[in-house]
Amino acid sequence: LLDAARAMNNALLLLGPTTLADADRISVVVAQHTQIAEA
């Protein structure tokens, strides 16, 4: 699974600028990460 994720990393580089460009977006990401970690 880790190897598959590494193979996908090159494609992720082509996405362009990050979407984490404002406080609202950061808040959503952090909240969703918290849900994943808690589960």
PDB file of all heavy atoms in Angstrom:
ATOM      1  N   LEU A   1       0.835  -1.200   0.000  1.00  0.00           N
ATOM      2  CA  LEU A   1       0.000   0.000   0.000  1.00  0.00           C
ATOM      3  C   LEU A   1       0.870   1.251   0.000  1.00  0.00           C
ATOM      4  O   LEU A   1       0.603   2.219  -0.724  1.00  0.00           O
ATOM      5  CB  LEU A   1      -0.923  -0.012   1.221  1.00  0.00           C
ATOM      6  CG  LEU A   1      -1.899   1.164   1.367  1.00  0.00           C
ATOM      7  CD1 LEU A   1      -2.886   1.197   0.207  1.00  0.00           C
ATOM      8  CD2 LEU A   1      -2.637   1.078   2.695  1.00  0.00           C
ATOM      9  N   LEU A   2       1.941   1.223   0.786  1.00  0.00           N
ATOM     10  CA  LEU A   2       2.859   2.356   0.841  1.00  0.00           C
ATOM     11  C   LEU A   2       3.540   2.567  -0.506  1.00  0.00           C
ATOM     12  O   LEU A   2       3.701   3.707  -0.958  1.00  0.00           O
ATOM     13  CB  LEU A   2       3.903   2.117   1.937  1.00  0.00           C
ATOM     14  CG  LEU A   2       4.827   3.288   2.279  1.00  0.00           C
ATOM     15  CD1 LEU A   2       4.031   4.514   2.704  1.00  0.00           C
ATOM     16  CD2 LEU A   2       5.800   2.883   3.378  1.00  0.00           C
ATOM     17  N   ASP A   3       3.919   1.487  -1.170  1.00  0.00           N
ATOM     18  CA  ASP A   3       4.538   1.597  -2.496  1.00  0.00           C
ATOM     19  C   ASP A   3       3.572   2.214  -3.497  1.00  0.00           C
ATOM     20  O   ASP A   3       3.962   3.028  -4.337  1.00  0.00           O
ATOM     21  CB  ASP A   3       4.981   0.219  -2.991  1.00  0.00           C
ATOM     22  CG  ASP A   3       6.230  -0.288  -2.289  1.00  0.00           C
ATOM     23  OD1 ASP A   3       6.915   0.528  -1.650  1.00  0.00           O
ATOM     24  OD2 ASP A   3       6.512  -1.489  -2.383  1.00  0.00           O
ATOM     25  N   ALA A   4       2.301   1.831  -3.411  1.00  0.00           N
ATOM     26  CA  ALA A   4       1.290   2.386  -4.316  1.00  0.00           C
ATOM     27  C   ALA A   4       1.130   3.892  -4.087  1.00  0.00           C
ATOM     28  O   ALA A   4       0.976   4.666  -5.038  1.00  0.00           O
ATOM     29  CB  ALA A   4      -0.040   1.677  -4.123  1.00  0.00           C
ATOM     30  N   ALA A   5       1.180   4.292  -2.824  1.00  0.00           N
ATOM     31  CA  ALA A   5       1.068   5.723  -2.501  1.00  0.00           C
ATOM     32  C   ALA A   5       2.269   6.493  -3.029  1.00  0.00           C
ATOM     33  O   ALA A   5       2.125   7.605  -3.554  1.00  0.00           O
ATOM     34  CB  ALA A   5       0.954   5.903  -0.992  1.00  0.00           C
ATOM     35  N   ARG A   6       3.450   5.914  -2.906  1.00  0.00           N
ATOM     36  CA  ARG A   6       4.658   6.569  -3.420  1.00  0.00           C
ATOM     37  C   ARG A   6       4.584   6.739  -4.926  1.00  0.00           C
ATOM     38  O   ARG A   6       4.977   7.768  -5.475  1.00  0.00           O
ATOM     39  CB  ARG A   6       5.888   5.748  -3.049  1.00  0.00           C
ATOM     40  CG  ARG A   6       6.287   5.838  -1.585  1.00  0.00           C
ATOM     41  CD  ARG A   6       7.371   4.845  -1.260  1.00  0.00           C
ATOM     42  NE  ARG A   6       7.801   4.933   0.132  1.00  0.00           N
ATOM     43  CZ  ARG A   6       8.355   3.936   0.797  1.00  0.00           C
ATOM     44  NH1 ARG A   6       8.551   2.758   0.199  1.00  0.00           N
ATOM     45  NH2 ARG A   6       8.714   4.096   2.063  1.00  0.00           N
ATOM     46  N   ALA A   7       4.075   5.723  -5.608  1.00  0.00           N
ATOM     47  CA  ALA A   7       3.957   5.786  -7.066  1.00  0.00           C
ATOM     48  C   ALA A   7       3.005   6.891  -7.503  1.00  0.00           C
ATOM     49  O   ALA A   7       3.128   7.438  -8.604  1.00  0.00           O
ATOM     50  CB  ALA A   7       3.495   4.441  -7.608  1.00  0.00           C
ATOM     51  N   MET A   8       2.048   7.237  -6.649  1.00  0.00           N
ATOM     52  CA  MET A   8       1.068   8.271  -6.971  1.00  0.00           C
ATOM     53  C   MET A   8       1.606   9.680  -6.704  1.00  0.00           C
ATOM     54  O   MET A   8       1.057  10.672  -7.200  1.00  0.00           O
ATOM     55  CB  MET A   8      -0.204   8.039  -6.140  1.00  0.00           C
ATOM     56  CG  MET A   8      -1.391   8.875  -6.558  1.00  0.00           C
ATOM     57  SD  MET A   8      -2.888   8.387  -5.644  1.00  0.00           S
ATOM     58  CE  MET A   8      -2.327   8.620  -3.948  1.00  0.00           C
ATOM     59  N   ASN A   9       2.690   9.782  -5.944  1.00  0.00           N
ATOM     60  CA  ASN A   9       3.197  11.088  -5.531  1.00  0.00           C
ATOM     61  C   ASN A   9       3.592  11.973  -6.711  1.00  0.00           C
ATOM     62  O   ASN A   9       3.415  13.194  -6.659  1.00  0.00           O
ATOM     63  CB  ASN A   9       4.378  10.929  -4.579  1.00  0.00           C
ATOM     64  CG  ASN A   9       3.938  10.573  -3.179  1.00  0.00           C
ATOM     65  OD1 ASN A   9       2.765  10.730  -2.835  1.00  0.00           O
ATOM     66  ND2 ASN A   9       4.857  10.089  -2.364  1.00  0.00           N
ATOM     67  N   ASN A  10       4.151  11.375  -7.765  1.00  0.00           N
ATOM     68  CA  ASN A  10       4.532  12.175  -8.926  1.00  0.00           C
ATOM     69  C   ASN A  10       3.333  12.892  -9.520  1.00  0.00           C
ATOM     70  O   ASN A  10       3.421  14.070  -9.895  1.00  0.00           O
ATOM     71  CB  ASN A  10       5.186  11.295  -9.989  1.00  0.00           C
ATOM     72  CG  ASN A  10       6.597  10.884  -9.615  1.00  0.00           C
ATOM     73  OD1 ASN A  10       7.167  11.384  -8.650  1.00  0.00           O
ATOM     74  ND2 ASN A  10       7.161   9.974 -10.392  1.00  0.00           N
ATOM     75  N   ALA A  11       2.223  12.193  -9.619  1.00  0.00           N
ATOM     76  CA  ALA A  11       1.009  12.812 -10.162  1.00  0.00           C
ATOM     77  C   ALA A  11       0.517  13.936  -9.254  1.00  0.00           C
ATOM     78  O   ALA A  11       0.025  14.967  -9.734  1.00  0.00           O
ATOM     79  CB  ALA A  11      -0.082  11.764 -10.351  1.00  0.00           C
ATOM     80  N   LEU A  12       0.662  13.763  -7.952  1.00  0.00           N
ATOM     81  CA  LEU A  12       0.218  14.802  -7.014  1.00  0.00           C
ATOM     82  C   LEU A  12       1.001  16.098  -7.198  1.00  0.00           C
ATOM     83  O   LEU A  12       0.483  17.189  -6.939  1.00  0.00           O
ATOM     84  CB  LEU A  12       0.354  14.298  -5.571  1.00  0.00           C
ATOM     85  CG  LEU A  12      -0.547  13.122  -5.180  1.00  0.00           C
ATOM     86  CD1 LEU A  12      -0.268  12.704  -3.740  1.00  0.00           C
ATOM     87  CD2 LEU A  12      -2.009  13.461  -5.365  1.00  0.00           C
ATOM     88  N   LEU A  13       2.252  15.990  -7.651  1.00  0.00           N
ATOM     89  CA  LEU A  13       3.058  17.184  -7.893  1.00  0.00           C
ATOM     90  C   LEU A  13       2.464  18.056  -9.000  1.00  0.00           C
ATOM     91  O   LEU A  13       2.733  19.251  -9.067  1.00  0.00           O
ATOM     92  CB  LEU A  13       4.491  16.791  -8.290  1.00  0.00           C
ATOM     93  CG  LEU A  13       5.360  16.119  -7.231  1.00  0.00           C
ATOM     94  CD1 LEU A  13       6.691  15.709  -7.843  1.00  0.00           C
ATOM     95  CD2 LEU A  13       5.577  17.042  -6.044  1.00  0.00           C
ATOM     96  N   LEU A  14       1.666  17.442  -9.867  1.00  0.00           N
ATOM     97  CA  LEU A  14       1.133  18.145 -11.022  1.00  0.00           C
ATOM     98  C   LEU A  14      -0.189  18.850 -10.735  1.00  0.00           C
ATOM     99  O   LEU A  14      -0.786  19.433 -11.626  1.00  0.00           O
ATOM    100  CB  LEU A  14       0.944  17.154 -12.184  1.00  0.00           C
ATOM    101  CG  LEU A  14       2.202  16.386 -12.596  1.00  0.00           C
ATOM    102  CD1 LEU A  14       1.878  15.388 -13.696  1.00  0.00           C
ATOM    103  CD2 LEU A  14       3.303  17.333 -13.042  1.00  0.00           C
ATOM    104  N   LEU A  15      -0.636  18.799  -9.482  1.00  0.00           N
ATOM    105  CA  LEU A  15      -1.909  19.433  -9.126  1.00  0.00           C
ATOM    106  C   LEU A  15      -1.801  20.955  -9.076  1.00  0.00           C
ATOM    107  O   LEU A  15      -2.800  21.654  -9.183  1.00  0.00           O
ATOM    108  CB  LEU A  15      -2.410  18.907  -7.780  1.00  0.00           C
ATOM    109  CG  LEU A  15      -2.954  17.483  -7.788  1.00  0.00           C
ATOM    110  CD1 LEU A  15      -3.276  17.028  -6.366  1.00  0.00           C
ATOM    111  CD2 LEU A  15      -4.197  17.377  -8.672  1.00  0.00           C
ATOM    112  N   GLY A  16      -0.590  21.461  -8.876  1.00  0.00           N
ATOM    113  CA  GLY A  16      -0.433  22.908  -8.826  1.00  0.00           C
ATOM    114  C   GLY A  16      -0.523  23.454  -7.411  1.00  0.00           C
ATOM    115  O   GLY A  16      -0.345  22.713  -6.435  1.00  0.00           O
ATOM    116  N   PRO A  17      -0.816  24.750  -7.262  1.00  0.00           N
ATOM    117  CA  PRO A  17      -0.816  25.395  -5.948  1.00  0.00           C
ATOM    118  C   PRO A  17      -1.730  24.700  -4.948  1.00  0.00           C
ATOM    119  O   PRO A  17      -2.770  24.154  -5.306  1.00  0.00           O
ATOM    120  CB  PRO A  17      -1.324  26.813  -6.258  1.00  0.00           C
ATOM    121  CG  PRO A  17      -1.027  27.022  -7.701  1.00  0.00           C
ATOM    122  CD  PRO A  17      -1.173  25.690  -8.344  1.00  0.00           C
ATOM    123  N   THR A  18      -1.325  24.714  -3.698  1.00  0.00           N
ATOM    124  CA  THR A  18      -2.119  24.097  -2.645  1.00  0.00           C
ATOM    125  C   THR A  18      -3.482  24.773  -2.504  1.00  0.00           C
ATOM    126  O   THR A  18      -3.630  25.973  -2.799  1.00  0.00           O
ATOM    127  CB  THR A  18      -1.383  24.174  -1.297  1.00  0.00           C
ATOM    128  OG1 THR A  18      -2.208  23.619  -0.276  1.00  0.00           O
ATOM    129  CG2 THR A  18      -1.053  25.612  -0.924  1.00  0.00           C
ATOM    130  N   THR A  19      -4.466  24.002  -2.066  1.00  0.00           N
ATOM    131  CA  THR A  19      -5.786  24.587  -1.781  1.00  0.00           C
ATOM    132  C   THR A  19      -5.856  25.122  -0.351  1.00  0.00           C
ATOM    133  O   THR A  19      -6.878  25.683   0.045  1.00  0.00           O
ATOM    134  CB  THR A  19      -6.900  23.538  -1.982  1.00  0.00           C
ATOM    135  OG1 THR A  19      -6.703  22.461  -1.063  1.00  0.00           O
ATOM    136  CG2 THR A  19      -6.900  23.008  -3.404  1.00  0.00           C
ATOM    137  N   LEU A  20      -4.779  24.939   0.418  1.00  0.00           N
ATOM    138  CA  LEU A  20      -4.780  25.399   1.821  1.00  0.00           C
ATOM    139  C   LEU A  20      -4.391  26.876   1.895  1.00  0.00           C
ATOM    140  O   LEU A  20      -3.421  27.256   2.546  1.00  0.00           O
ATOM    141  CB  LEU A  20      -3.805  24.545   2.653  1.00  0.00           C
ATOM    142  CG  LEU A  20      -4.012  23.038   2.615  1.00  0.00           C
ATOM    143  CD1 LEU A  20      -3.033  22.343   3.542  1.00  0.00           C
ATOM    144  CD2 LEU A  20      -5.437  22.690   3.006  1.00  0.00           C
ATOM    145  N   ALA A  21      -5.177  27.692   1.215  1.00  0.00           N
ATOM    146  CA  ALA A  21      -4.791  29.090   1.054  1.00  0.00           C
ATOM    147  C   ALA A  21      -5.546  30.057   1.955  1.00  0.00           C
ATOM    148  O   ALA A  21      -5.299  31.258   1.919  1.00  0.00           O
ATOM    149  CB  ALA A  21      -4.977  29.511  -0.408  1.00  0.00           C
ATOM    150  N   ASP A  22      -6.468  29.573   2.774  1.00  0.00           N
ATOM    151  CA  ASP A  22      -7.194  30.482   3.655  1.00  0.00           C
ATOM    152  C   ASP A  22      -7.578  29.779   4.947  1.00  0.00           C
ATOM    153  O   ASP A  22      -7.536  28.541   5.035  1.00  0.00           O
ATOM    154  CB  ASP A  22      -8.440  31.050   2.962  1.00  0.00           C
ATOM    155  CG  ASP A  22      -9.414  29.960   2.523  1.00  0.00           C
ATOM    156  OD1 ASP A  22     -10.022  29.324   3.403  1.00  0.00           O
ATOM    157  OD2 ASP A  22      -9.554  29.740   1.309  1.00  0.00           O
ATOM    158  N   ALA A  23      -7.935  30.557   5.943  1.00  0.00           N
ATOM    159  CA  ALA A  23      -8.215  30.028   7.282  1.00  0.00           C
ATOM    160  C   ALA A  23      -9.402  29.071   7.281  1.00  0.00           C
ATOM    161  O   ALA A  23      -9.397  28.064   7.997  1.00  0.00           O
ATOM    162  CB  ALA A  23      -8.471  31.188   8.246  1.00  0.00           C
ATOM    163  N   ASP A  24     -10.429  29.372   6.479  1.00  0.00           N
ATOM    164  CA  ASP A  24     -11.599  28.499   6.438  1.00  0.00           C
ATOM    165  C   ASP A  24     -11.238  27.112   5.921  1.00  0.00           C
ATOM    166  O   ASP A  24     -11.706  26.093   6.453  1.00  0.00           O
ATOM    167  CB  ASP A  24     -12.689  29.115   5.549  1.00  0.00           C
ATOM    168  CG  ASP A  24     -13.319  30.341   6.180  1.00  0.00           C
ATOM    169  OD1 ASP A  24     -13.187  30.504   7.412  1.00  0.00           O
ATOM    170  OD2 ASP A  24     -13.947  31.135   5.449  1.00  0.00           O
ATOM    171  N   ARG A  25     -10.429  27.070   4.885  1.00  0.00           N
ATOM    172  CA  ARG A  25     -10.020  25.786   4.320  1.00  0.00           C
ATOM    173  C   ARG A  25      -9.179  25.002   5.327  1.00  0.00           C
ATOM    174  O   ARG A  25      -9.364  23.788   5.492  1.00  0.00           O
ATOM    175  CB  ARG A  25      -9.223  26.024   3.034  1.00  0.00           C
ATOM    176  CG  ARG A  25      -8.596  24.766   2.427  1.00  0.00           C
ATOM    177  CD  ARG A  25      -9.640  23.808   1.916  1.00  0.00           C
ATOM    178  NE  ARG A  25      -9.029  22.641   1.311  1.00  0.00           N
ATOM    179  CZ  ARG A  25      -9.345  21.392   1.593  1.00  0.00           C
ATOM    180  NH1 ARG A  25     -10.303  21.124   2.459  1.00  0.00           N
ATOM    181  NH2 ARG A  25      -8.733  20.390   1.001  1.00  0.00           N
ATOM    182  N   ILE A  26      -8.257  25.682   6.010  1.00  0.00           N
ATOM    183  CA  ILE A  26      -7.435  25.028   7.033  1.00  0.00           C
ATOM    184  C   ILE A  26      -8.329  24.435   8.122  1.00  0.00           C
ATOM    185  O   ILE A  26      -8.119  23.302   8.577  1.00  0.00           O
ATOM    186  CB  ILE A  26      -6.440  26.025   7.662  1.00  0.00           C
ATOM    187  CG1 ILE A  26      -5.381  26.449   6.638  1.00  0.00           C
ATOM    188  CG2 ILE A  26      -5.778  25.417   8.888  1.00  0.00           C
ATOM    189  CD1 ILE A  26      -4.354  25.396   6.324  1.00  0.00           C
ATOM    190  N   SER A  27      -9.342  25.177   8.540  1.00  0.00           N
ATOM    191  CA  SER A  27     -10.248  24.702   9.599  1.00  0.00           C
ATOM    192  C   SER A  27     -10.960  23.419   9.190  1.00  0.00           C
ATOM    193  O   SER A  27     -11.115  22.496   9.987  1.00  0.00           O
ATOM    194  CB  SER A  27     -11.275  25.784   9.933  1.00  0.00           C
ATOM    195  OG  SER A  27     -10.647  26.919  10.478  1.00  0.00           O
ATOM    196  N   VAL A  28     -11.409  23.378   7.935  1.00  0.00           N
ATOM    197  CA  VAL A  28     -12.095  22.181   7.433  1.00  0.00           C
ATOM    198  C   VAL A  28     -11.141  20.984   7.429  1.00  0.00           C
ATOM    199  O   VAL A  28     -11.490  19.884   7.872  1.00  0.00           O
ATOM    200  CB  VAL A  28     -12.644  22.429   6.011  1.00  0.00           C
ATOM    201  CG1 VAL A  28     -13.137  21.123   5.388  1.00  0.00           C
ATOM    202  CG2 VAL A  28     -13.767  23.452   6.043  1.00  0.00           C
ATOM    203  N   VAL A  29      -9.926  21.208   6.939  1.00  0.00           N
ATOM    204  CA  VAL A  29      -8.931  20.127   6.870  1.00  0.00           C
ATOM    205  C   VAL A  29      -8.620  19.601   8.266  1.00  0.00           C
ATOM    206  O   VAL A  29      -8.602  18.384   8.501  1.00  0.00           O
ATOM    207  CB  VAL A  29      -7.643  20.619   6.175  1.00  0.00           C
ATOM    208  CG1 VAL A  29      -6.511  19.620   6.363  1.00  0.00           C
ATOM    209  CG2 VAL A  29      -7.896  20.832   4.690  1.00  0.00           C
ATOM    210  N   VAL A  30      -8.357  20.496   9.187  1.00  0.00           N
ATOM    211  CA  VAL A  30      -8.016  20.088  10.548  1.00  0.00           C
ATOM    212  C   VAL A  30      -9.160  19.314  11.189  1.00  0.00           C
ATOM    213  O   VAL A  30      -8.950  18.284  11.846  1.00  0.00           O
ATOM    214  CB  VAL A  30      -7.633  21.321  11.399  1.00  0.00           C
ATOM    215  CG1 VAL A  30      -7.517  20.954  12.875  1.00  0.00           C
ATOM    216  CG2 VAL A  30      -6.305  21.905  10.904  1.00  0.00           C
ATOM    217  N   ALA A  31     -10.389  19.781  10.989  1.00  0.00           N
ATOM    218  CA  ALA A  31     -11.557  19.098  11.569  1.00  0.00           C
ATOM    219  C   ALA A  31     -11.719  17.699  10.974  1.00  0.00           C
ATOM    220  O   ALA A  31     -11.995  16.733  11.697  1.00  0.00           O
ATOM    221  CB  ALA A  31     -12.816  19.922  11.321  1.00  0.00           C
ATOM    222  N   GLN A  32     -11.525  17.576   9.672  1.00  0.00           N
ATOM    223  CA  GLN A  32     -11.667  16.266   9.037  1.00  0.00           C
ATOM    224  C   GLN A  32     -10.522  15.328   9.435  1.00  0.00           C
ATOM    225  O   GLN A  32     -10.739  14.132   9.626  1.00  0.00           O
ATOM    226  CB  GLN A  32     -11.740  16.418   7.520  1.00  0.00           C
ATOM    227  CG  GLN A  32     -13.039  17.082   7.062  1.00  0.00           C
ATOM    228  CD  GLN A  32     -13.180  17.130   5.553  1.00  0.00           C
ATOM    229  OE1 GLN A  32     -12.201  17.228   4.820  1.00  0.00           O
ATOM    230  NE2 GLN A  32     -14.422  17.065   5.070  1.00  0.00           N
ATOM    231  N   HIS A  33      -9.330  15.872   9.559  1.00  0.00           N
ATOM    232  CA  HIS A  33      -8.205  15.067  10.051  1.00  0.00           C
ATOM    233  C   HIS A  33      -8.496  14.533  11.456  1.00  0.00           C
ATOM    234  O   HIS A  33      -8.160  13.389  11.784  1.00  0.00           O
ATOM    235  CB  HIS A  33      -6.924  15.900  10.078  1.00  0.00           C
ATOM    236  CG  HIS A  33      -6.288  16.072   8.742  1.00  0.00           C
ATOM    237  ND1 HIS A  33      -5.123  16.795   8.571  1.00  0.00           N
ATOM    238  CD2 HIS A  33      -6.632  15.612   7.514  1.00  0.00           C
ATOM    239  CE1 HIS A  33      -4.792  16.777   7.300  1.00  0.00           C
ATOM    240  NE2 HIS A  33      -5.684  16.077   6.632  1.00  0.00           N
ATOM    241  N   THR A  34      -9.091  15.384  12.279  1.00  0.00           N
ATOM    242  CA  THR A  34      -9.422  14.972  13.646  1.00  0.00           C
ATOM    243  C   THR A  34     -10.392  13.796  13.637  1.00  0.00           C
ATOM    244  O   THR A  34     -10.243  12.838  14.411  1.00  0.00           O
ATOM    245  CB  THR A  34     -10.036  16.153  14.426  1.00  0.00           C
ATOM    246  OG1 THR A  34      -9.072  17.216  14.502  1.00  0.00           O
ATOM    247  CG2 THR A  34     -10.428  15.732  15.835  1.00  0.00           C
ATOM    248  N   GLN A  35     -11.381  13.847  12.751  1.00  0.00           N
ATOM    249  CA  GLN A  35     -12.341  12.742  12.643  1.00  0.00           C
ATOM    250  C   GLN A  35     -11.644  11.447  12.230  1.00  0.00           C
ATOM    251  O   GLN A  35     -11.940  10.367  12.767  1.00  0.00           O
ATOM    252  CB  GLN A  35     -13.432  13.104  11.629  1.00  0.00           C
ATOM    253  CG  GLN A  35     -14.352  14.221  12.097  1.00  0.00           C
ATOM    254  CD  GLN A  35     -15.330  14.659  11.008  1.00  0.00           C
ATOM    255  OE1 GLN A  35     -15.140  14.356   9.837  1.00  0.00           O
ATOM    256  NE2 GLN A  35     -16.378  15.371  11.407  1.00  0.00           N
ATOM    257  N   ILE A  36     -10.718  11.547  11.282  1.00  0.00           N
ATOM    258  CA  ILE A  36      -9.986  10.356  10.834  1.00  0.00           C
ATOM    259  C   ILE A  36      -9.156   9.792  11.986  1.00  0.00           C
ATOM    260  O   ILE A  36      -9.185   8.591  12.265  1.00  0.00           O
ATOM    261  CB  ILE A  36      -9.067  10.702   9.646  1.00  0.00           C
ATOM    262  CG1 ILE A  36      -9.884  11.146   8.432  1.00  0.00           C
ATOM    263  CG2 ILE A  36      -8.200   9.488   9.268  1.00  0.00           C
ATOM    264  CD1 ILE A  36      -9.058  11.738   7.305  1.00  0.00           C
ATOM    265  N   ALA A  37      -8.419  10.674  12.673  1.00  0.00           N
ATOM    266  CA  ALA A  37      -7.542  10.234  13.765  1.00  0.00           C
ATOM    267  C   ALA A  37      -8.340   9.627  14.910  1.00  0.00           C
ATOM    268  O   ALA A  37      -7.913   8.623  15.511  1.00  0.00           O
ATOM    269  CB  ALA A  37      -6.703  11.421  14.261  1.00  0.00           C
ATOM    270  N   GLU A  38      -9.474  10.214  15.228  1.00  0.00           N
ATOM    271  CA  GLU A  38     -10.295   9.682  16.322  1.00  0.00           C
ATOM    272  C   GLU A  38     -10.832   8.294  15.985  1.00  0.00           C
ATOM    273  O   GLU A  38     -10.886   7.406  16.842  1.00  0.00           O
ATOM    274  CB  GLU A  38     -11.444  10.648  16.630  1.00  0.00           C
ATOM    275  CG  GLU A  38     -10.977  11.914  17.343  1.00  0.00           C
ATOM    276  CD  GLU A  38     -12.114  12.889  17.602  1.00  0.00           C
ATOM    277  OE1 GLU A  38     -13.216  12.692  17.009  1.00  0.00           O
ATOM    278  OE2 GLU A  38     -11.922  13.847  18.378  1.00  0.00           O
ATOM    279  N   ALA A  39     -11.238   8.090  14.735  1.00  0.00           N
ATOM    280  CA  ALA A  39     -11.730   6.774  14.318  1.00  0.00           C
ATOM    281  C   ALA A  39     -10.607   5.743  14.356  1.00  0.00           C
ATOM    282  O   ALA A  39     -10.819   4.602  14.789  1.00  0.00           O
ATOM    283  CB  ALA A  39     -12.334   6.858  12.914  1.00  0.00           C
TER     284      ALA A  39
END
